[in-house]
Amino acid sequence: KLILSKYEGRNHTRYAMIAGFAEIGETIEETVHREVMEEIGIKVKNLRYYKSQPWSFSGTLLFGFYCDLDGDDTLTVDHNELSMASWFNREDIPDEGDNISLTKEMMMAFKHGRA
């Protein structure tokens, strides 16, 4: 299963994966652990780097990781950040919009068993 979410208070209404920004002094792997815990209240382990993508819209660099659940799978959604988050089976992952984002590529790779 894969967790998909939707952002709170944004015009972008398509599904996305959990995301966030690294803080000063924080490794990218630490960022993954912190953002997942902050946004949906779960612990993760076995981080596996997928790839990166420059994101010219904001001048940032995206890093994509897959990871495994470490413990309870109950999601506690931070509704200041996300309007919703839920577990999706591979076959239920929606194929929305274009394919320019790393998030979309990762969602489709998981859906089709390539991740």
PDB file of N, CA and C in Angstrom:
ATOM      1  N   LYS A   1       0.841  -1.182   0.000  1.00  0.00           N
ATOM      2  CA  LYS A   1       0.000   0.000   0.000  1.00  0.00           C
ATOM      3  C   LYS A   1       0.880   1.237   0.000  1.00  0.00           C
ATOM      4  N   LEU A   2       0.289   2.337  -0.464  1.00  0.00           N
ATOM      5  CA  LEU A   2       0.961   3.626  -0.551  1.00  0.00           C
ATOM      6  C   LEU A   2       0.056   4.679   0.077  1.00  0.00           C
ATOM      7  N   ILE A   3       0.637   5.620   0.788  1.00  0.00           N
ATOM      8  CA  ILE A   3      -0.155   6.710   1.364  1.00  0.00           C
ATOM      9  C   ILE A   3      -0.193   7.862   0.378  1.00  0.00           C
ATOM     10  N   LEU A   4      -1.393   8.298   0.056  1.00  0.00           N
ATOM     11  CA  LEU A   4      -1.589   9.483  -0.778  1.00  0.00           C
ATOM     12  C   LEU A   4      -2.316  10.528   0.042  1.00  0.00           C
ATOM     13  N   SER A   5      -2.068  11.776  -0.298  1.00  0.00           N
ATOM     14  CA  SER A   5      -2.677  12.873   0.448  1.00  0.00           C
ATOM     15  C   SER A   5      -3.124  13.960  -0.516  1.00  0.00           C
ATOM     16  N   LYS A   6      -3.841  14.915   0.030  1.00  0.00           N
ATOM     17  CA  LYS A   6      -4.191  16.137  -0.684  1.00  0.00           C
ATOM     18  C   LYS A   6      -3.870  17.304   0.240  1.00  0.00           C
ATOM     19  N   TYR A   7      -3.320  18.362  -0.363  1.00  0.00           N
ATOM     20  CA  TYR A   7      -2.932  19.529   0.422  1.00  0.00           C
ATOM     21  C   TYR A   7      -4.140  20.311   0.892  1.00  0.00           C
ATOM     22  N   GLU A   8      -4.012  20.934   2.038  1.00  0.00           N
ATOM     23  CA  GLU A   8      -5.062  21.778   2.606  1.00  0.00           C
ATOM     24  C   GLU A   8      -4.897  23.205   2.088  1.00  0.00           C
ATOM     25  N   GLY A   9      -6.006  23.829   1.695  1.00  0.00           N
ATOM     26  CA  GLY A   9      -6.017  25.243   1.348  1.00  0.00           C
ATOM     27  C   GLY A   9      -5.245  25.620   0.103  1.00  0.00           C
ATOM     28  N   ARG A  10      -5.100  24.726  -0.836  1.00  0.00           N
ATOM     29  CA  ARG A  10      -4.399  25.031  -2.087  1.00  0.00           C
ATOM     30  C   ARG A  10      -5.307  24.748  -3.271  1.00  0.00           C
ATOM     31  N   ASN A  11      -5.002  25.397  -4.364  1.00  0.00           N
ATOM     32  CA  ASN A  11      -5.771  25.154  -5.588  1.00  0.00           C
ATOM     33  C   ASN A  11      -5.472  23.777  -6.168  1.00  0.00           C
ATOM     34  N   HIS A  12      -4.298  23.239  -5.852  1.00  0.00           N
ATOM     35  CA  HIS A  12      -3.895  21.912  -6.334  1.00  0.00           C
ATOM     36  C   HIS A  12      -4.708  20.861  -5.581  1.00  0.00           C
ATOM     37  N   THR A  13      -5.580  20.151  -6.291  1.00  0.00           N
ATOM     38  CA  THR A  13      -6.472  19.193  -5.631  1.00  0.00           C
ATOM     39  C   THR A  13      -6.185  17.745  -6.004  1.00  0.00           C
ATOM     40  N   ARG A  14      -5.120  17.498  -6.734  1.00  0.00           N
ATOM     41  CA  ARG A  14      -4.765  16.123  -7.086  1.00  0.00           C
ATOM     42  C   ARG A  14      -4.074  15.451  -5.912  1.00  0.00           C
ATOM     43  N   TYR A  15      -4.035  14.127  -5.971  1.00  0.00           N
ATOM     44  CA  TYR A  15      -3.335  13.370  -4.946  1.00  0.00           C
ATOM     45  C   TYR A  15      -1.837  13.609  -5.048  1.00  0.00           C
ATOM     46  N   ALA A  16      -1.187  13.549  -3.904  1.00  0.00           N
ATOM     47  CA  ALA A  16       0.264  13.706  -3.834  1.00  0.00           C
ATOM     48  C   ALA A  16       0.790  12.761  -2.761  1.00  0.00           C
ATOM     49  N   MET A  17       2.090  12.638  -2.715  1.00  0.00           N
ATOM     50  CA  MET A  17       2.727  11.880  -1.648  1.00  0.00           C
ATOM     51  C   MET A  17       3.148  12.871  -0.564  1.00  0.00           C
ATOM     52  N   ILE A  18       3.521  12.377   0.584  1.00  0.00           N
ATOM     53  CA  ILE A  18       3.945  13.244   1.676  1.00  0.00           C
ATOM     54  C   ILE A  18       5.217  13.978   1.246  1.00  0.00           C
ATOM     55  N   ALA A  19       5.284  15.260   1.547  1.00  0.00           N
ATOM     56  CA  ALA A  19       6.421  16.079   1.115  1.00  0.00           C
ATOM     57  C   ALA A  19       6.722  17.138   2.167  1.00  0.00           C
ATOM     58  N   GLY A  20       7.899  17.715   2.054  1.00  0.00           N
ATOM     59  CA  GLY A  20       8.259  18.785   2.968  1.00  0.00           C
ATOM     60  C   GLY A  20       9.640  19.312   2.655  1.00  0.00           C
ATOM     61  N   PHE A  21      10.074  20.268   3.436  1.00  0.00           N
ATOM     62  CA  PHE A  21      11.356  20.923   3.236  1.00  0.00           C
ATOM     63  C   PHE A  21      12.326  20.557   4.348  1.00  0.00           C
ATOM     64  N   ALA A  22      13.598  20.385   3.971  1.00  0.00           N
ATOM     65  CA  ALA A  22      14.643  20.109   4.956  1.00  0.00           C
ATOM     66  C   ALA A  22      14.883  21.361   5.796  1.00  0.00           C
ATOM     67  N   GLU A  23      15.153  21.130   7.063  1.00  0.00           N
ATOM     68  CA  GLU A  23      15.503  22.221   7.962  1.00  0.00           C
ATOM     69  C   GLU A  23      17.015  22.337   8.040  1.00  0.00           C
ATOM     70  N   ILE A  24      17.514  23.469   8.445  1.00  0.00           N
ATOM     71  CA  ILE A  24      18.950  23.700   8.556  1.00  0.00           C
ATOM     72  C   ILE A  24      19.569  22.657   9.485  1.00  0.00           C
ATOM     73  N   GLY A  25      20.635  22.014   9.009  1.00  0.00           N
ATOM     74  CA  GLY A  25      21.339  21.014   9.795  1.00  0.00           C
ATOM     75  C   GLY A  25      20.751  19.621   9.745  1.00  0.00           C
ATOM     76  N   GLU A  26      19.701  19.440   8.970  1.00  0.00           N
ATOM     77  CA  GLU A  26      18.986  18.177   8.903  1.00  0.00           C
ATOM     78  C   GLU A  26      19.378  17.434   7.622  1.00  0.00           C
ATOM     79  N   THR A  27      19.613  16.130   7.713  1.00  0.00           N
ATOM     80  CA  THR A  27      19.853  15.352   6.497  1.00  0.00           C
ATOM     81  C   THR A  27      18.526  15.141   5.773  1.00  0.00           C
ATOM     82  N   ILE A  28      18.608  14.770   4.520  1.00  0.00           N
ATOM     83  CA  ILE A  28      17.388  14.489   3.755  1.00  0.00           C
ATOM     84  C   ILE A  28      16.640  13.315   4.373  1.00  0.00           C
ATOM     85  N   GLU A  29      17.365  12.305   4.850  1.00  0.00           N
ATOM     86  CA  GLU A  29      16.716  11.161   5.481  1.00  0.00           C
ATOM     87  C   GLU A  29      16.001  11.570   6.768  1.00  0.00           C
ATOM     88  N   GLU A  30      16.613  12.444   7.549  1.00  0.00           N
ATOM     89  CA  GLU A  30      15.954  12.957   8.750  1.00  0.00           C
ATOM     90  C   GLU A  30      14.702  13.747   8.387  1.00  0.00           C
ATOM     91  N   THR A  31      14.772  14.460   7.270  1.00  0.00           N
ATOM     92  CA  THR A  31      13.603  15.201   6.794  1.00  0.00           C
ATOM     93  C   THR A  31      12.439  14.265   6.503  1.00  0.00           C
ATOM     94  N   VAL A  32      12.719  13.140   5.850  1.00  0.00           N
ATOM     95  CA  VAL A  32      11.670  12.163   5.546  1.00  0.00           C
ATOM     96  C   VAL A  32      11.004  11.693   6.839  1.00  0.00           C
ATOM     97  N   HIS A  33      11.794  11.265   7.796  1.00  0.00           N
ATOM     98  CA  HIS A  33      11.231  10.794   9.070  1.00  0.00           C
ATOM     99  C   HIS A  33      10.384  11.872   9.740  1.00  0.00           C
ATOM    100  N   ARG A  34      10.903  13.099   9.807  1.00  0.00           N
ATOM    101  CA  ARG A  34      10.196  14.182  10.491  1.00  0.00           C
ATOM    102  C   ARG A  34       8.903  14.566   9.770  1.00  0.00           C
ATOM    103  N   GLU A  35       8.978  14.757   8.458  1.00  0.00           N
ATOM    104  CA  GLU A  35       7.791  15.187   7.709  1.00  0.00           C
ATOM    105  C   GLU A  35       6.673  14.147   7.764  1.00  0.00           C
ATOM    106  N   VAL A  36       7.022  12.878   7.634  1.00  0.00           N
ATOM    107  CA  VAL A  36       6.001  11.831   7.712  1.00  0.00           C
ATOM    108  C   VAL A  36       5.344  11.835   9.091  1.00  0.00           C
ATOM    109  N   MET A  37       6.160  11.949  10.133  1.00  0.00           N
ATOM    110  CA  MET A  37       5.613  11.980  11.494  1.00  0.00           C
ATOM    111  C   MET A  37       4.740  13.226  11.693  1.00  0.00           C
ATOM    112  N   GLU A  38       5.213  14.385  11.252  1.00  0.00           N
ATOM    113  CA  GLU A  38       4.447  15.619  11.440  1.00  0.00           C
ATOM    114  C   GLU A  38       3.129  15.609  10.675  1.00  0.00           C
ATOM    115  N   GLU A  39       3.144  15.139   9.433  1.00  0.00           N
ATOM    116  CA  GLU A  39       1.962  15.259   8.580  1.00  0.00           C
ATOM    117  C   GLU A  39       0.952  14.141   8.758  1.00  0.00           C
ATOM    118  N   ILE A  40       1.419  12.911   9.076  1.00  0.00           N
ATOM    119  CA  ILE A  40       0.456  11.809   9.196  1.00  0.00           C
ATOM    120  C   ILE A  40       0.657  10.931  10.422  1.00  0.00           C
ATOM    121  N   GLY A  41       1.614  11.277  11.280  1.00  0.00           N
ATOM    122  CA  GLY A  41       1.754  10.623  12.576  1.00  0.00           C
ATOM    123  C   GLY A  41       2.221   9.181  12.589  1.00  0.00           C
ATOM    124  N   ILE A  42       2.999   8.772  11.587  1.00  0.00           N
ATOM    125  CA  ILE A  42       3.522   7.407  11.593  1.00  0.00           C
ATOM    126  C   ILE A  42       5.046   7.427  11.506  1.00  0.00           C
ATOM    127  N   LYS A  43       5.652   6.325  11.947  1.00  0.00           N
ATOM    128  CA  LYS A  43       7.094   6.139  11.834  1.00  0.00           C
ATOM    129  C   LYS A  43       7.381   5.303  10.596  1.00  0.00           C
ATOM    130  N   VAL A  44       8.523   5.594   9.961  1.00  0.00           N
ATOM    131  CA  VAL A  44       8.937   4.841   8.781  1.00  0.00           C
ATOM    132  C   VAL A  44      10.373   4.347   8.965  1.00  0.00           C
ATOM    133  N   LYS A  45      10.721   3.320   8.179  1.00  0.00           N
ATOM    134  CA  LYS A  45      12.067   2.732   8.208  1.00  0.00           C
ATOM    135  C   LYS A  45      12.421   2.278   6.796  1.00  0.00           C
ATOM    136  N   ASN A  46      13.640   1.795   6.644  1.00  0.00           N
ATOM    137  CA  ASN A  46      14.113   1.256   5.357  1.00  0.00           C
ATOM    138  C   ASN A  46      13.911   2.245   4.211  1.00  0.00           C
ATOM    139  N   LEU A  47      14.369   3.473   4.393  1.00  0.00           N
ATOM    140  CA  LEU A  47      14.262   4.474   3.336  1.00  0.00           C
ATOM    141  C   LEU A  47      15.066   4.038   2.123  1.00  0.00           C
ATOM    142  N   ARG A  48      14.445   4.165   0.952  1.00  0.00           N
ATOM    143  CA  ARG A  48      15.095   3.809  -0.304  1.00  0.00           C
ATOM    144  C   ARG A  48      14.983   4.994  -1.256  1.00  0.00           C
ATOM    145  N   TYR A  49      16.136   5.569  -1.592  1.00  0.00           N
ATOM    146  CA  TYR A  49      16.179   6.709  -2.504  1.00  0.00           C
ATOM    147  C   TYR A  49      15.684   6.280  -3.881  1.00  0.00           C
ATOM    148  N   TYR A  50      14.798   7.074  -4.475  1.00  0.00           N
ATOM    149  CA  TYR A  50      14.296   6.793  -5.822  1.00  0.00           C
ATOM    150  C   TYR A  50      15.053   7.649  -6.833  1.00  0.00           C
ATOM    151  N   LYS A  51      14.918   8.967  -6.731  1.00  0.00           N
ATOM    152  CA  LYS A  51      15.679   9.898  -7.558  1.00  0.00           C
ATOM    153  C   LYS A  51      15.318  11.322  -7.169  1.00  0.00           C
ATOM    154  N   SER A  52      15.957  12.285  -7.820  1.00  0.00           N
ATOM    155  CA  SER A  52      15.682  13.689  -7.525  1.00  0.00           C
ATOM    156  C   SER A  52      15.144  14.379  -8.778  1.00  0.00           C
ATOM    157  N   GLN A  53      14.585  15.584  -8.566  1.00  0.00           N
ATOM    158  CA  GLN A  53      14.059  16.360  -9.681  1.00  0.00           C
ATOM    159  C   GLN A  53      14.138  17.842  -9.326  1.00  0.00           C
ATOM    160  N   PRO A  54      14.833  18.638 -10.156  1.00  0.00           N
ATOM    161  CA  PRO A  54      14.773  20.087  -9.949  1.00  0.00           C
ATOM    162  C   PRO A  54      13.334  20.552 -10.175  1.00  0.00           C
ATOM    163  N   TRP A  55      12.849  21.438  -9.318  1.00  0.00           N
ATOM    164  CA  TRP A  55      11.474  21.926  -9.426  1.00  0.00           C
ATOM    165  C   TRP A  55      11.528  23.431  -9.661  1.00  0.00           C
ATOM    166  N   SER A  56      11.490  23.801 -10.930  1.00  0.00           N
ATOM    167  CA  SER A  56      11.710  25.202 -11.314  1.00  0.00           C
ATOM    168  C   SER A  56      10.621  26.146 -10.819  1.00  0.00           C
ATOM    169  N   PHE A  57       9.424  25.628 -10.523  1.00  0.00           N
ATOM    170  CA  PHE A  57       8.339  26.490 -10.062  1.00  0.00           C
ATOM    171  C   PHE A  57       8.682  27.174  -8.740  1.00  0.00           C
ATOM    172  N   SER A  58       9.476  26.492  -7.908  1.00  0.00           N
ATOM    173  CA  SER A  58       9.829  27.072  -6.609  1.00  0.00           C
ATOM    174  C   SER A  58      11.339  27.181  -6.412  1.00  0.00           C
ATOM    175  N   GLY A  59      12.120  26.787  -7.397  1.00  0.00           N
ATOM    176  CA  GLY A  59      13.561  26.854  -7.283  1.00  0.00           C
ATOM    177  C   GLY A  59      14.131  25.870  -6.273  1.00  0.00           C
ATOM    178  N   THR A  60      13.464  24.760  -6.075  1.00  0.00           N
ATOM    179  CA  THR A  60      13.899  23.767  -5.099  1.00  0.00           C
ATOM    180  C   THR A  60      14.299  22.470  -5.798  1.00  0.00           C
ATOM    181  N   LEU A  61      14.835  21.558  -5.020  1.00  0.00           N
ATOM    182  CA  LEU A  61      15.204  20.243  -5.521  1.00  0.00           C
ATOM    183  C   LEU A  61      14.417  19.207  -4.739  1.00  0.00           C
ATOM    184  N   LEU A  62      13.651  18.390  -5.456  1.00  0.00           N
ATOM    185  CA  LEU A  62      12.865  17.338  -4.827  1.00  0.00           C
ATOM    186  C   LEU A  62      13.695  16.064  -4.738  1.00  0.00           C
ATOM    187  N   PHE A  63      13.546  15.352  -3.618  1.00  0.00           N
ATOM    188  CA  PHE A  63      14.154  14.040  -3.448  1.00  0.00           C
ATOM    189  C   PHE A  63      13.026  13.058  -3.209  1.00  0.00           C
ATOM    190  N   GLY A  64      13.002  11.968  -3.948  1.00  0.00           N
ATOM    191  CA  GLY A  64      11.961  10.962  -3.778  1.00  0.00           C
ATOM    192  C   GLY A  64      12.487   9.741  -3.049  1.00  0.00           C
ATOM    193  N   PHE A  65      11.755   9.314  -2.031  1.00  0.00           N
ATOM    194  CA  PHE A  65      12.088   8.117  -1.267  1.00  0.00           C
ATOM    195  C   PHE A  65      10.850   7.242  -1.120  1.00  0.00           C
ATOM    196  N   TYR A  66      11.045   5.941  -1.165  1.00  0.00           N
ATOM    197  CA  TYR A  66      10.053   4.990  -0.696  1.00  0.00           C
ATOM    198  C   TYR A  66      10.535   4.522   0.669  1.00  0.00           C
ATOM    199  N   CYS A  67       9.628   4.087   1.507  1.00  0.00           N
ATOM    200  CA  CYS A  67      10.009   3.582   2.823  1.00  0.00           C
ATOM    201  C   CYS A  67       8.945   2.605   3.300  1.00  0.00           C
ATOM    202  N   ASP A  68       9.254   1.929   4.380  1.00  0.00           N
ATOM    203  CA  ASP A  68       8.346   0.950   4.972  1.00  0.00           C
ATOM    204  C   ASP A  68       7.785   1.493   6.273  1.00  0.00           C
ATOM    205  N   LEU A  69       6.602   1.053   6.605  1.00  0.00           N
ATOM    206  CA  LEU A  69       5.964   1.397   7.867  1.00  0.00           C
ATOM    207  C   LEU A  69       6.761   0.793   9.014  1.00  0.00           C
ATOM    208  N   ASP A  70       6.916   1.547  10.089  1.00  0.00           N
ATOM    209  CA  ASP A  70       7.604   1.067  11.286  1.00  0.00           C
ATOM    210  C   ASP A  70       6.630   1.164  12.456  1.00  0.00           C
ATOM    211  N   GLY A  71       5.742   0.168  12.582  1.00  0.00           N
ATOM    212  CA  GLY A  71       4.770   0.164  13.676  1.00  0.00           C
ATOM    213  C   GLY A  71       3.341   0.281  13.192  1.00  0.00           C
ATOM    214  N   ASP A  72       2.550   0.968  13.989  1.00  0.00           N
ATOM    215  CA  ASP A  72       1.112   1.120  13.760  1.00  0.00           C
ATOM    216  C   ASP A  72       0.831   1.888  12.469  1.00  0.00           C
ATOM    217  N   ASP A  73      -0.167   1.427  11.689  1.00  0.00           N
ATOM    218  CA  ASP A  73      -0.492   2.071  10.411  1.00  0.00           C
ATOM    219  C   ASP A  73      -1.606   3.111  10.508  1.00  0.00           C
ATOM    220  N   THR A  74      -2.013   3.477  11.725  1.00  0.00           N
ATOM    221  CA  THR A  74      -3.072   4.475  11.901  1.00  0.00           C
ATOM    222  C   THR A  74      -2.541   5.854  11.557  1.00  0.00           C
ATOM    223  N   LEU A  75      -3.227   6.533  10.642  1.00  0.00           N
ATOM    224  CA  LEU A  75      -2.817   7.867  10.223  1.00  0.00           C
ATOM    225  C   LEU A  75      -3.475   8.920  11.108  1.00  0.00           C
ATOM    226  N   THR A  76      -2.683   9.885  11.548  1.00  0.00           N
ATOM    227  CA  THR A  76      -3.175  11.043  12.277  1.00  0.00           C
ATOM    228  C   THR A  76      -2.828  12.254  11.426  1.00  0.00           C
ATOM    229  N   VAL A  77      -3.800  12.722  10.667  1.00  0.00           N
ATOM    230  CA  VAL A  77      -3.567  13.757   9.652  1.00  0.00           C
ATOM    231  C   VAL A  77      -3.489  15.139  10.286  1.00  0.00           C
ATOM    232  N   ASP A  78      -2.429  15.869   9.948  1.00  0.00           N
ATOM    233  CA  ASP A  78      -2.297  17.272  10.339  1.00  0.00           C
ATOM    234  C   ASP A  78      -3.119  18.094   9.349  1.00  0.00           C
ATOM    235  N   HIS A  79      -4.300  18.518   9.760  1.00  0.00           N
ATOM    236  CA  HIS A  79      -5.205  19.218   8.847  1.00  0.00           C
ATOM    237  C   HIS A  79      -4.800  20.660   8.572  1.00  0.00           C
ATOM    238  N   ASN A  80      -3.749  21.147   9.206  1.00  0.00           N
ATOM    239  CA  ASN A  80      -3.186  22.438   8.809  1.00  0.00           C
ATOM    240  C   ASN A  80      -2.389  22.289   7.520  1.00  0.00           C
ATOM    241  N   GLU A  81      -1.857  21.091   7.287  1.00  0.00           N
ATOM    242  CA  GLU A  81      -1.043  20.801   6.100  1.00  0.00           C
ATOM    243  C   GLU A  81      -1.821  20.061   5.013  1.00  0.00           C
ATOM    244  N   LEU A  82      -2.627  19.088   5.439  1.00  0.00           N
ATOM    245  CA  LEU A  82      -3.301  18.193   4.492  1.00  0.00           C
ATOM    246  C   LEU A  82      -4.808  18.195   4.707  1.00  0.00           C
ATOM    247  N   SER A  83      -5.552  18.143   3.619  1.00  0.00           N
ATOM    248  CA  SER A  83      -7.004  18.005   3.749  1.00  0.00           C
ATOM    249  C   SER A  83      -7.377  16.551   4.003  1.00  0.00           C
ATOM    250  N   MET A  84      -6.521  15.623   3.512  1.00  0.00           N
ATOM    251  CA  MET A  84      -6.757  14.197   3.748  1.00  0.00           C
ATOM    252  C   MET A  84      -5.495  13.413   3.460  1.00  0.00           C
ATOM    253  N   ALA A  85      -5.434  12.216   4.011  1.00  0.00           N
ATOM    254  CA  ALA A  85      -4.385  11.239   3.701  1.00  0.00           C
ATOM    255  C   ALA A  85      -4.977   9.867   3.953  1.00  0.00           C
ATOM    256  N   SER A  86      -4.632   8.917   3.089  1.00  0.00           N
ATOM    257  CA  SER A  86      -5.198   7.583   3.205  1.00  0.00           C
ATOM    258  C   SER A  86      -4.273   6.564   2.548  1.00  0.00           C
ATOM    259  N   TRP A  87      -4.379   5.316   3.013  1.00  0.00           N
ATOM    260  CA  TRP A  87      -3.671   4.209   2.392  1.00  0.00           C
ATOM    261  C   TRP A  87      -4.402   3.801   1.115  1.00  0.00           C
ATOM    262  N   PHE A  88      -3.656   3.518   0.044  1.00  0.00           N
ATOM    263  CA  PHE A  88      -4.222   3.057  -1.219  1.00  0.00           C
ATOM    264  C   PHE A  88      -3.545   1.756  -1.633  1.00  0.00           C
ATOM    265  N   ASN A  89      -4.338   0.767  -2.039  1.00  0.00           N
ATOM    266  CA  ASN A  89      -3.800  -0.431  -2.672  1.00  0.00           C
ATOM    267  C   ASN A  89      -3.269  -0.044  -4.044  1.00  0.00           C
ATOM    268  N   ARG A  90      -2.289  -0.807  -4.549  1.00  0.00           N
ATOM    269  CA  ARG A  90      -1.702  -0.502  -5.864  1.00  0.00           C
ATOM    270  C   ARG A  90      -2.760  -0.236  -6.928  1.00  0.00           C
ATOM    271  N   GLU A  91      -3.716  -1.144  -7.014  1.00  0.00           N
ATOM    272  CA  GLU A  91      -4.709  -1.046  -8.094  1.00  0.00           C
ATOM    273  C   GLU A  91      -5.657   0.138  -7.936  1.00  0.00           C
ATOM    274  N   ASP A  92      -5.704   0.734  -6.763  1.00  0.00           N
ATOM    275  CA  ASP A  92      -6.614   1.854  -6.511  1.00  0.00           C
ATOM    276  C   ASP A  92      -5.949   3.225  -6.629  1.00  0.00           C
ATOM    277  N   ILE A  93      -4.670   3.259  -6.921  1.00  0.00           N
ATOM    278  CA  ILE A  93      -3.974   4.543  -7.047  1.00  0.00           C
ATOM    279  C   ILE A  93      -4.470   5.232  -8.320  1.00  0.00           C
ATOM    280  N   PRO A  94      -5.008   6.447  -8.186  1.00  0.00           N
ATOM    281  CA  PRO A  94      -5.561   7.141  -9.355  1.00  0.00           C
ATOM    282  C   PRO A  94      -4.462   7.646 -10.285  1.00  0.00           C
ATOM    283  N   ASP A  95      -4.766   7.689 -11.571  1.00  0.00           N
ATOM    284  CA  ASP A  95      -3.841   8.202 -12.584  1.00  0.00           C
ATOM    285  C   ASP A  95      -4.373   9.553 -13.042  1.00  0.00           C
ATOM    286  N   GLU A  96      -4.023  10.594 -12.286  1.00  0.00           N
ATOM    287  CA  GLU A  96      -4.536  11.933 -12.563  1.00  0.00           C
ATOM    288  C   GLU A  96      -3.484  12.798 -13.244  1.00  0.00           C
ATOM    289  N   GLY A  97      -3.923  13.604 -14.177  1.00  0.00           N
ATOM    290  CA  GLY A  97      -3.087  14.660 -14.727  1.00  0.00           C
ATOM    291  C   GLY A  97      -1.884  14.210 -15.529  1.00  0.00           C
ATOM    292  N   ASP A  98      -0.951  15.168 -15.671  1.00  0.00           N
ATOM    293  CA  ASP A  98       0.227  14.937 -16.499  1.00  0.00           C
ATOM    294  C   ASP A  98       1.306  14.178 -15.726  1.00  0.00           C
ATOM    295  N   ASN A  99       2.392  13.926 -16.412  1.00  0.00           N
ATOM    296  CA  ASN A  99       3.454  13.119 -15.819  1.00  0.00           C
ATOM    297  C   ASN A  99       4.738  13.909 -15.589  1.00  0.00           C
ATOM    298  N   ILE A 100       4.637  15.214 -15.278  1.00  0.00           N
ATOM    299  CA  ILE A 100       5.849  16.015 -15.136  1.00  0.00           C
ATOM    300  C   ILE A 100       6.454  15.965 -13.739  1.00  0.00           C
ATOM    301  N   SER A 101       5.710  15.531 -12.753  1.00  0.00           N
ATOM    302  CA  SER A 101       6.219  15.601 -11.383  1.00  0.00           C
ATOM    303  C   SER A 101       6.827  14.276 -10.932  1.00  0.00           C
ATOM    304  N   LEU A 102       7.805  14.396 -10.060  1.00  0.00           N
ATOM    305  CA  LEU A 102       8.416  13.216  -9.455  1.00  0.00           C
ATOM    306  C   LEU A 102       7.378  12.430  -8.667  1.00  0.00           C
ATOM    307  N   THR A 103       6.498  13.138  -7.964  1.00  0.00           N
ATOM    308  CA  THR A 103       5.437  12.479  -7.199  1.00  0.00           C
ATOM    309  C   THR A 103       4.586  11.588  -8.091  1.00  0.00           C
ATOM    310  N   LYS A 104       4.146  12.122  -9.211  1.00  0.00           N
ATOM    311  CA  LYS A 104       3.307  11.341 -10.132  1.00  0.00           C
ATOM    312  C   LYS A 104       4.073  10.132 -10.657  1.00  0.00           C
ATOM    313  N   GLU A 105       5.327  10.332 -11.027  1.00  0.00           N
ATOM    314  CA  GLU A 105       6.141   9.215 -11.518  1.00  0.00           C
ATOM    315  C   GLU A 105       6.255   8.117 -10.461  1.00  0.00           C
ATOM    316  N   MET A 106       6.482   8.520  -9.211  1.00  0.00           N
ATOM    317  CA  MET A 106       6.608   7.536  -8.134  1.00  0.00           C
ATOM    318  C   MET A 106       5.294   6.823  -7.861  1.00  0.00           C
ATOM    319  N   MET A 107       4.187   7.545  -7.921  1.00  0.00           N
ATOM    320  CA  MET A 107       2.879   6.918  -7.729  1.00  0.00           C
ATOM    321  C   MET A 107       2.626   5.866  -8.809  1.00  0.00           C
ATOM    322  N   MET A 108       2.934   6.202 -10.058  1.00  0.00           N
ATOM    323  CA  MET A 108       2.690   5.260 -11.158  1.00  0.00           C
ATOM    324  C   MET A 108       3.677   4.087 -11.120  1.00  0.00           C
ATOM    325  N   ALA A 109       4.911   4.322 -10.697  1.00  0.00           N
ATOM    326  CA  ALA A 109       5.873   3.227 -10.563  1.00  0.00           C
ATOM    327  C   ALA A 109       5.378   2.231  -9.506  1.00  0.00           C
ATOM    328  N   PHE A 110       4.870   2.742  -8.405  1.00  0.00           N
ATOM    329  CA  PHE A 110       4.329   1.857  -7.358  1.00  0.00           C
ATOM    330  C   PHE A 110       3.090   1.129  -7.865  1.00  0.00           C
ATOM    331  N   LYS A 111       2.203   1.854  -8.516  1.00  0.00           N
ATOM    332  CA  LYS A 111       0.956   1.256  -9.030  1.00  0.00           C
ATOM    333  C   LYS A 111       1.249   0.079  -9.961  1.00  0.00           C
ATOM    334  N   HIS A 112       2.275   0.232 -10.793  1.00  0.00           N
ATOM    335  CA  HIS A 112       2.577  -0.783 -11.797  1.00  0.00           C
ATOM    336  C   HIS A 112       3.670  -1.760 -11.353  1.00  0.00           C
ATOM    337  N   GLY A 113       3.951  -1.784 -10.034  1.00  0.00           N
ATOM    338  CA  GLY A 113       4.855  -2.776  -9.478  1.00  0.00           C
ATOM    339  C   GLY A 113       6.323  -2.552  -9.784  1.00  0.00           C
ATOM    340  N   ARG A 114       6.692  -1.341 -10.157  1.00  0.00           N
ATOM    341  CA  ARG A 114       8.087  -1.043 -10.457  1.00  0.00           C
ATOM    342  C   ARG A 114       8.812  -0.452  -9.245  1.00  0.00           C
ATOM    343  N   ALA A 115       8.136  -0.394  -8.124  1.00  0.00           N
ATOM    344  CA  ALA A 115       8.761   0.142  -6.897  1.00  0.00           C
ATOM    345  C   ALA A 115       8.246  -0.609  -5.692  1.00  0.00           C
TER     346      ALA A 115
END
